[in-house]
Amino acid sequence: EPRLKDTHLLPTVRGDLLAKLGRIDEARAEFRRAAGLTGNEKERALLLARADGG
């Protein structure tokens, strides 16, 4: 979906799915990517916490 390409939503979902599959390093990278795409400070903090294993 082109409209989702530049939002944090797709990498957030991708990170969640990768984490559930046990692919932790890849999940962390997706959460960091999502954090860089969101404009919301609270979402950014949550995504960075997930990237750090929290």
Protein backbone atom coordinates (compact mmCIF):
# COMPACT_ATOMS: atom_id res chain seq x y z
CA GLU A 1 0.00 0.00 0.00
CA PRO A 2 1.70 3.23 -1.13
CA ARG A 3 0.07 5.34 1.59
CA LEU A 4 1.73 3.25 4.32
CA LYS A 5 5.20 3.43 2.79
CA ASP A 6 6.36 6.47 4.77
CA THR A 7 4.54 5.82 8.04
CA HIS A 8 5.63 4.00 11.17
CA LEU A 9 2.73 1.55 10.95
CA LEU A 10 4.18 -1.03 8.57
CA PRO A 11 7.58 -1.41 10.29
CA THR A 12 5.80 -1.59 13.67
CA VAL A 13 3.67 -4.53 12.54
CA ARG A 14 6.65 -6.12 10.81
CA GLY A 15 8.68 -5.77 14.02
CA ASP A 16 5.91 -7.34 16.07
CA LEU A 17 5.62 -10.31 13.72
CA LEU A 18 9.38 -10.80 13.60
CA ALA A 19 9.54 -10.73 17.40
CA LYS A 20 6.83 -13.40 17.58
CA LEU A 21 8.89 -15.53 15.21
CA GLY A 22 11.92 -15.16 17.46
CA ARG A 23 13.83 -13.05 14.93
CA ILE A 24 14.75 -10.52 17.59
CA ASP A 25 17.55 -8.62 15.83
CA GLU A 26 15.38 -8.04 12.78
CA ALA A 27 12.44 -7.02 14.98
CA ARG A 28 14.58 -4.50 16.83
CA ALA A 29 15.72 -2.98 13.54
CA GLU A 30 12.10 -2.58 12.43
CA PHE A 31 11.11 -0.95 15.72
CA ARG A 32 14.01 1.50 15.36
CA ARG A 33 12.95 2.23 11.80
CA ALA A 34 9.37 2.82 12.94
CA ALA A 35 10.58 5.13 15.71
CA GLY A 36 12.37 7.22 13.12
CA LEU A 37 9.22 7.56 11.04
CA THR A 38 6.72 8.59 13.72
CA GLY A 39 6.16 12.20 14.66
CA ASN A 40 4.64 11.32 18.02
CA GLU A 41 7.09 11.44 20.94
CA LYS A 42 5.20 8.89 23.05
CA GLU A 43 5.04 6.42 20.17
CA ARG A 44 8.74 7.00 19.49
CA ALA A 45 9.59 6.26 23.12
CA LEU A 46 7.49 3.08 23.08
CA LEU A 47 9.04 1.87 19.83
CA LEU A 48 12.57 2.57 21.04
CA ALA A 49 11.80 0.70 24.26
CA ARG A 50 10.64 -2.28 22.21
CA ALA A 51 13.81 -2.03 20.12
CA ASP A 52 15.83 -2.21 23.32
CA GLY A 53 13.98 -5.32 24.44
CA GLY A 54 11.44 -3.64 26.70
